Amino acid sequence: MSKPPVLSLIPKGSPDHPRFILANQHQEFWTGDDWSRNENDGLLLANMRDVARVTTELLTETTKGKRSFKFVAPVEVEIRGDSPPDLTALMVWLMKSARLFVDYKVPGLSDSTAILSIDWTELRDSEK
């Protein structure tokens, strides 16, 4: 089991077609299989969902063998408008647009890593 990498997101592509690659604290680039010193070998990620998926995979891989402690916290989504949104359309929009970023090192616990996710399929109308 190795220490979790310190990850940096490097923008690539163009404003119309943004893409990203991941780098670690050693200035190496994630290829999808391993780390490379050659930036051109970096796996091109199409969107922030892909970034989140790959980041979670890397953090999960480096923390294998550690005990897992899970906690659940509600996330509130407030929509202000003249009429209520369609719940399914809202869920789809949130899946595509919402991002959860966190400093994944747990303060005071140098041997711990936090991996966060939101399951938008559990979205419910709290008014009903």
N, C-alpha and C. Protein backbone atom coordinates (compact mmCIF):
# COMPACT_ATOMS: atom_id res chain seq x y z
N MET A 1 0.84 -1.16 0.00
CA MET A 1 0.00 0.00 0.00
C MET A 1 0.89 1.24 0.00
N SER A 2 0.67 2.12 -0.94
CA SER A 2 1.49 3.33 -1.04
C SER A 2 0.70 4.53 -0.51
N LYS A 3 1.39 5.64 -0.34
CA LYS A 3 0.74 6.87 0.10
C LYS A 3 -0.10 7.42 -1.04
N PRO A 4 -1.25 8.02 -0.75
CA PRO A 4 -2.06 8.63 -1.81
C PRO A 4 -1.28 9.72 -2.51
N PRO A 5 -1.41 9.83 -3.82
CA PRO A 5 -0.70 10.88 -4.55
C PRO A 5 -1.31 12.25 -4.28
N VAL A 6 -0.50 13.28 -4.39
CA VAL A 6 -1.00 14.65 -4.40
C VAL A 6 -1.29 14.94 -5.86
N LEU A 7 -2.55 15.15 -6.19
CA LEU A 7 -2.96 15.26 -7.59
C LEU A 7 -3.18 16.71 -7.99
N SER A 8 -2.77 17.02 -9.22
CA SER A 8 -3.02 18.33 -9.81
C SER A 8 -3.74 18.12 -11.13
N LEU A 9 -4.68 19.00 -11.41
CA LEU A 9 -5.43 18.97 -12.65
C LEU A 9 -4.83 19.97 -13.61
N ILE A 10 -4.43 19.50 -14.80
CA ILE A 10 -3.80 20.37 -15.79
C ILE A 10 -4.74 20.53 -16.98
N PRO A 11 -5.19 21.77 -17.25
CA PRO A 11 -6.11 21.98 -18.37
C PRO A 11 -5.41 21.78 -19.70
N LYS A 12 -6.13 21.18 -20.62
CA LYS A 12 -5.65 20.96 -22.00
C LYS A 12 -6.80 21.32 -22.93
N GLY A 13 -6.62 21.11 -24.21
CA GLY A 13 -7.70 21.38 -25.16
C GLY A 13 -7.88 22.86 -25.41
N SER A 14 -9.11 23.24 -25.72
CA SER A 14 -9.43 24.63 -26.04
C SER A 14 -10.62 25.07 -25.18
N PRO A 15 -10.93 26.37 -25.19
CA PRO A 15 -12.11 26.82 -24.42
C PRO A 15 -13.41 26.12 -24.88
N ASP A 16 -13.51 25.84 -26.16
CA ASP A 16 -14.71 25.17 -26.67
C ASP A 16 -14.71 23.67 -26.38
N HIS A 17 -13.53 23.09 -26.27
CA HIS A 17 -13.37 21.65 -26.02
C HIS A 17 -12.33 21.42 -24.94
N PRO A 18 -12.67 21.79 -23.68
CA PRO A 18 -11.69 21.62 -22.61
C PRO A 18 -11.41 20.14 -22.33
N ARG A 19 -10.17 19.85 -22.06
CA ARG A 19 -9.73 18.51 -21.68
C ARG A 19 -8.75 18.67 -20.53
N PHE A 20 -8.46 17.57 -19.84
CA PHE A 20 -7.63 17.65 -18.65
C PHE A 20 -6.72 16.43 -18.57
N ILE A 21 -5.57 16.60 -17.91
CA ILE A 21 -4.72 15.47 -17.53
C ILE A 21 -4.42 15.62 -16.04
N LEU A 22 -4.05 14.52 -15.41
CA LEU A 22 -3.71 14.53 -13.99
C LEU A 22 -2.20 14.37 -13.81
N ALA A 23 -1.65 15.16 -12.90
CA ALA A 23 -0.23 15.05 -12.54
C ALA A 23 -0.14 14.77 -11.05
N ASN A 24 0.98 14.16 -10.65
CA ASN A 24 1.20 13.92 -9.22
C ASN A 24 2.28 14.86 -8.70
N GLN A 25 2.63 14.69 -7.44
CA GLN A 25 3.60 15.55 -6.77
C GLN A 25 5.02 15.40 -7.31
N HIS A 26 5.25 14.38 -8.13
CA HIS A 26 6.58 14.14 -8.71
C HIS A 26 6.66 14.62 -10.16
N GLN A 27 5.67 15.43 -10.58
CA GLN A 27 5.58 15.94 -11.95
C GLN A 27 5.50 14.79 -12.96
N GLU A 28 4.75 13.77 -12.59
CA GLU A 28 4.48 12.64 -13.48
C GLU A 28 3.01 12.73 -13.87
N PHE A 29 2.67 12.14 -15.01
CA PHE A 29 1.34 12.27 -15.59
C PHE A 29 0.67 10.90 -15.69
N TRP A 30 -0.59 10.83 -15.29
CA TRP A 30 -1.32 9.57 -15.28
C TRP A 30 -1.68 9.17 -16.70
N THR A 31 -1.28 7.96 -17.10
CA THR A 31 -1.52 7.47 -18.46
C THR A 31 -2.79 6.63 -18.57
N GLY A 32 -3.36 6.29 -17.45
CA GLY A 32 -4.48 5.36 -17.42
C GLY A 32 -4.06 4.02 -16.86
N ASP A 33 -2.75 3.74 -16.93
CA ASP A 33 -2.19 2.50 -16.40
C ASP A 33 -1.10 2.74 -15.37
N ASP A 34 -0.36 3.83 -15.54
CA ASP A 34 0.80 4.11 -14.70
C ASP A 34 1.15 5.59 -14.82
N TRP A 35 2.19 6.01 -14.15
CA TRP A 35 2.67 7.39 -14.20
C TRP A 35 3.82 7.49 -15.19
N SER A 36 3.87 8.59 -15.93
CA SER A 36 4.93 8.83 -16.91
C SER A 36 5.50 10.23 -16.71
N ARG A 37 6.79 10.38 -16.98
CA ARG A 37 7.42 11.71 -16.91
C ARG A 37 7.09 12.55 -18.15
N ASN A 38 6.57 11.90 -19.19
CA ASN A 38 6.25 12.57 -20.44
C ASN A 38 4.81 13.08 -20.41
N GLU A 39 4.64 14.38 -20.42
CA GLU A 39 3.30 14.99 -20.37
C GLU A 39 2.42 14.52 -21.52
N ASN A 40 3.00 14.28 -22.67
CA ASN A 40 2.23 13.83 -23.83
C ASN A 40 1.63 12.43 -23.64
N ASP A 41 2.14 11.68 -22.67
CA ASP A 41 1.59 10.35 -22.38
C ASP A 41 0.35 10.43 -21.49
N GLY A 42 0.07 11.61 -20.93
CA GLY A 42 -1.03 11.78 -19.98
C GLY A 42 -2.38 11.43 -20.60
N LEU A 43 -3.18 10.69 -19.85
CA LEU A 43 -4.52 10.33 -20.28
C LEU A 43 -5.37 11.58 -20.37
N LEU A 44 -5.92 11.83 -21.56
CA LEU A 44 -6.75 13.01 -21.79
C LEU A 44 -8.16 12.72 -21.28
N LEU A 45 -8.61 13.51 -20.32
CA LEU A 45 -9.92 13.34 -19.70
C LEU A 45 -10.88 14.36 -20.29
N ALA A 46 -12.05 13.90 -20.70
CA ALA A 46 -12.98 14.73 -21.47
C ALA A 46 -13.78 15.71 -20.62
N ASN A 47 -14.01 15.38 -19.34
CA ASN A 47 -14.85 16.24 -18.51
C ASN A 47 -14.55 15.99 -17.04
N MET A 48 -15.22 16.77 -16.19
CA MET A 48 -14.95 16.67 -14.76
C MET A 48 -15.47 15.36 -14.17
N ARG A 49 -16.47 14.75 -14.78
CA ARG A 49 -16.92 13.43 -14.31
C ARG A 49 -15.80 12.42 -14.48
N ASP A 50 -15.12 12.46 -15.63
CA ASP A 50 -14.00 11.55 -15.85
C ASP A 50 -12.87 11.83 -14.86
N VAL A 51 -12.62 13.12 -14.61
CA VAL A 51 -11.59 13.51 -13.64
C VAL A 51 -11.94 12.92 -12.26
N ALA A 52 -13.20 13.07 -11.85
CA ALA A 52 -13.63 12.56 -10.54
C ALA A 52 -13.50 11.04 -10.49
N ARG A 53 -13.89 10.36 -11.56
CA ARG A 53 -13.82 8.89 -11.59
C ARG A 53 -12.38 8.42 -11.47
N VAL A 54 -11.48 8.99 -12.26
CA VAL A 54 -10.07 8.57 -12.25
C VAL A 54 -9.42 8.92 -10.91
N THR A 55 -9.72 10.09 -10.39
CA THR A 55 -9.17 10.50 -9.10
C THR A 55 -9.61 9.54 -8.00
N THR A 56 -10.89 9.20 -8.00
CA THR A 56 -11.41 8.25 -7.00
C THR A 56 -10.72 6.90 -7.15
N GLU A 57 -10.55 6.43 -8.38
CA GLU A 57 -9.86 5.15 -8.60
C GLU A 57 -8.44 5.18 -8.06
N LEU A 58 -7.71 6.27 -8.32
CA LEU A 58 -6.33 6.38 -7.84
C LEU A 58 -6.27 6.41 -6.32
N LEU A 59 -7.15 7.18 -5.70
CA LEU A 59 -7.16 7.26 -4.24
C LEU A 59 -7.59 5.93 -3.62
N THR A 60 -8.56 5.27 -4.22
CA THR A 60 -9.02 3.99 -3.71
C THR A 60 -7.92 2.94 -3.81
N GLU A 61 -7.21 2.92 -4.92
CA GLU A 61 -6.13 1.95 -5.13
C GLU A 61 -5.02 2.12 -4.09
N THR A 62 -4.67 3.37 -3.79
CA THR A 62 -3.56 3.59 -2.86
C THR A 62 -3.97 3.41 -1.41
N THR A 63 -5.27 3.26 -1.14
CA THR A 63 -5.71 3.05 0.24
C THR A 63 -6.25 1.64 0.46
N LYS A 64 -6.03 0.74 -0.48
CA LYS A 64 -6.45 -0.66 -0.29
C LYS A 64 -5.79 -1.21 0.97
N GLY A 65 -6.54 -2.01 1.69
CA GLY A 65 -6.00 -2.61 2.90
C GLY A 65 -6.29 -1.79 4.15
N LYS A 66 -6.69 -0.55 3.96
CA LYS A 66 -7.05 0.28 5.11
C LYS A 66 -8.51 0.02 5.46
N ARG A 67 -8.85 0.16 6.73
CA ARG A 67 -10.24 0.04 7.14
C ARG A 67 -11.04 1.19 6.56
N SER A 68 -12.31 0.95 6.31
CA SER A 68 -13.20 1.97 5.75
C SER A 68 -14.23 2.39 6.79
N PHE A 69 -14.38 3.68 6.97
CA PHE A 69 -15.38 4.25 7.87
C PHE A 69 -16.25 5.16 7.03
N LYS A 70 -17.54 4.85 6.91
CA LYS A 70 -18.42 5.64 6.04
C LYS A 70 -19.39 6.47 6.86
N PHE A 71 -19.64 7.68 6.37
CA PHE A 71 -20.56 8.62 6.97
C PHE A 71 -21.47 9.16 5.88
N VAL A 72 -22.68 9.52 6.23
CA VAL A 72 -23.64 10.06 5.26
C VAL A 72 -24.08 11.43 5.76
N ALA A 73 -24.11 12.40 4.86
CA ALA A 73 -24.59 13.74 5.19
C ALA A 73 -25.55 14.19 4.08
N PRO A 74 -26.65 14.83 4.46
CA PRO A 74 -27.58 15.29 3.43
C PRO A 74 -26.99 16.45 2.63
N VAL A 75 -27.35 16.50 1.37
CA VAL A 75 -27.01 17.62 0.50
C VAL A 75 -28.33 18.25 0.09
N GLU A 76 -28.48 19.53 0.34
CA GLU A 76 -29.73 20.21 0.00
C GLU A 76 -29.55 20.97 -1.30
N VAL A 77 -30.53 20.83 -2.19
CA VAL A 77 -30.54 21.55 -3.46
C VAL A 77 -31.78 22.44 -3.45
N GLU A 78 -31.58 23.75 -3.47
CA GLU A 78 -32.70 24.69 -3.49
C GLU A 78 -32.79 25.31 -4.87
N ILE A 79 -33.94 25.18 -5.50
CA ILE A 79 -34.19 25.78 -6.81
C ILE A 79 -35.20 26.90 -6.62
N ARG A 80 -34.87 28.09 -7.07
CA ARG A 80 -35.79 29.22 -6.98
C ARG A 80 -36.30 29.56 -8.37
N GLY A 81 -37.60 29.60 -8.51
CA GLY A 81 -38.20 29.91 -9.80
C GLY A 81 -39.71 30.03 -9.65
N ASP A 82 -40.38 30.22 -10.77
CA ASP A 82 -41.83 30.39 -10.76
C ASP A 82 -42.59 29.08 -10.69
N SER A 83 -41.95 28.00 -11.10
CA SER A 83 -42.62 26.69 -11.05
C SER A 83 -41.59 25.64 -10.65
N PRO A 84 -42.07 24.54 -10.05
CA PRO A 84 -41.13 23.51 -9.61
C PRO A 84 -40.51 22.78 -10.80
N PRO A 85 -39.23 22.43 -10.69
CA PRO A 85 -38.58 21.70 -11.79
C PRO A 85 -39.02 20.24 -11.80
N ASP A 86 -38.90 19.63 -12.95
CA ASP A 86 -39.12 18.19 -13.07
C ASP A 86 -37.98 17.48 -12.34
N LEU A 87 -38.31 16.57 -11.43
CA LEU A 87 -37.31 15.92 -10.59
C LEU A 87 -36.29 15.13 -11.41
N THR A 88 -36.75 14.41 -12.43
CA THR A 88 -35.83 13.63 -13.26
C THR A 88 -34.89 14.54 -14.04
N ALA A 89 -35.43 15.61 -14.60
CA ALA A 89 -34.59 16.56 -15.35
C ALA A 89 -33.57 17.21 -14.41
N LEU A 90 -33.99 17.53 -13.20
CA LEU A 90 -33.08 18.12 -12.21
C LEU A 90 -31.97 17.14 -11.86
N MET A 91 -32.32 15.87 -11.66
CA MET A 91 -31.35 14.84 -11.33
C MET A 91 -30.32 14.69 -12.45
N VAL A 92 -30.78 14.65 -13.68
CA VAL A 92 -29.88 14.52 -14.83
C VAL A 92 -28.96 15.73 -14.91
N TRP A 93 -29.51 16.92 -14.72
CA TRP A 93 -28.70 18.14 -14.76
C TRP A 93 -27.64 18.13 -13.66
N LEU A 94 -28.03 17.72 -12.45
CA LEU A 94 -27.07 17.67 -11.34
C LEU A 94 -25.96 16.66 -11.61
N MET A 95 -26.32 15.51 -12.18
CA MET A 95 -25.30 14.50 -12.50
C MET A 95 -24.28 15.04 -13.50
N LYS A 96 -24.75 15.86 -14.42
CA LYS A 96 -23.85 16.40 -15.44
C LYS A 96 -23.07 17.62 -14.96
N SER A 97 -23.64 18.39 -14.05
CA SER A 97 -23.03 19.69 -13.75
C SER A 97 -22.45 19.84 -12.35
N ALA A 98 -22.94 19.11 -11.37
CA ALA A 98 -22.47 19.30 -10.00
C ALA A 98 -21.13 18.62 -9.78
N ARG A 99 -20.25 19.28 -9.04
CA ARG A 99 -18.93 18.75 -8.73
C ARG A 99 -18.70 18.84 -7.23
N LEU A 100 -18.04 17.85 -6.69
CA LEU A 100 -17.69 17.84 -5.28
C LEU A 100 -16.17 17.72 -5.19
N PHE A 101 -15.54 18.79 -4.75
CA PHE A 101 -14.09 18.80 -4.62
C PHE A 101 -13.73 18.96 -3.15
N VAL A 102 -12.70 18.28 -2.75
CA VAL A 102 -12.32 18.30 -1.34
C VAL A 102 -10.82 18.06 -1.22
N ASP A 103 -10.23 18.66 -0.20
CA ASP A 103 -8.86 18.30 0.16
C ASP A 103 -8.96 16.94 0.82
N TYR A 104 -8.54 15.89 0.15
CA TYR A 104 -8.83 14.53 0.59
C TYR A 104 -7.99 14.04 1.76
N LYS A 105 -7.05 14.83 2.25
CA LYS A 105 -6.30 14.44 3.46
C LYS A 105 -7.10 14.87 4.68
N VAL A 106 -7.28 13.97 5.63
CA VAL A 106 -8.07 14.24 6.83
C VAL A 106 -7.18 14.93 7.87
N PRO A 107 -7.53 16.17 8.27
CA PRO A 107 -6.70 16.88 9.25
C PRO A 107 -6.56 16.09 10.55
N GLY A 108 -5.34 16.02 11.04
CA GLY A 108 -5.08 15.32 12.29
C GLY A 108 -4.95 13.81 12.15
N LEU A 109 -5.20 13.30 10.97
CA LEU A 109 -5.09 11.86 10.72
C LEU A 109 -4.20 11.65 9.49
N SER A 110 -2.92 11.69 9.69
CA SER A 110 -1.98 11.65 8.57
C SER A 110 -2.06 10.36 7.76
N ASP A 111 -2.64 9.31 8.34
CA ASP A 111 -2.71 8.04 7.62
C ASP A 111 -4.09 7.81 7.00
N SER A 112 -4.91 8.88 6.90
CA SER A 112 -6.28 8.74 6.39
C SER A 112 -6.49 9.55 5.12
N THR A 113 -7.38 9.06 4.29
CA THR A 113 -7.75 9.73 3.04
C THR A 113 -9.27 9.75 2.95
N ALA A 114 -9.86 10.90 2.61
CA ALA A 114 -11.31 11.02 2.45
C ALA A 114 -11.65 10.91 0.97
N ILE A 115 -12.61 10.07 0.64
CA ILE A 115 -13.10 9.92 -0.74
C ILE A 115 -14.59 10.20 -0.70
N LEU A 116 -15.03 11.28 -1.36
CA LEU A 116 -16.41 11.72 -1.29
C LEU A 116 -17.14 11.47 -2.61
N SER A 117 -18.44 11.24 -2.51
CA SER A 117 -19.28 11.10 -3.70
C SER A 117 -20.70 11.52 -3.36
N ILE A 118 -21.46 11.88 -4.37
CA ILE A 118 -22.87 12.21 -4.21
C ILE A 118 -23.66 11.28 -5.13
N ASP A 119 -24.65 10.59 -4.57
CA ASP A 119 -25.51 9.72 -5.35
C ASP A 119 -26.78 10.49 -5.69
N TRP A 120 -26.79 11.14 -6.85
CA TRP A 120 -27.93 11.97 -7.23
C TRP A 120 -29.18 11.14 -7.51
N THR A 121 -29.05 9.83 -7.67
CA THR A 121 -30.24 9.01 -7.89
C THR A 121 -31.11 8.94 -6.64
N GLU A 122 -30.56 9.37 -5.49
CA GLU A 122 -31.33 9.39 -4.24
C GLU A 122 -32.05 10.74 -4.04
N LEU A 123 -32.00 11.64 -5.02
CA LEU A 123 -32.63 12.95 -4.92
C LEU A 123 -34.13 12.79 -4.74
N ARG A 124 -34.67 13.46 -3.72
CA ARG A 124 -36.11 13.41 -3.41
C ARG A 124 -36.61 14.82 -3.14
N ASP A 125 -37.90 15.05 -3.35
CA ASP A 125 -38.53 16.32 -3.04
C ASP A 125 -38.77 16.37 -1.54
N SER A 126 -38.12 17.29 -0.83
CA SER A 126 -38.25 17.36 0.63
C SER A 126 -39.56 18.01 1.06
N GLU A 127 -40.29 18.61 0.13
CA GLU A 127 -41.56 19.26 0.46
C GLU A 127 -42.71 18.25 0.52
N LYS A 128 -42.51 17.05 0.00
CA LYS A 128 -43.61 16.07 -0.05
C LYS A 128 -43.49 15.07 1.06
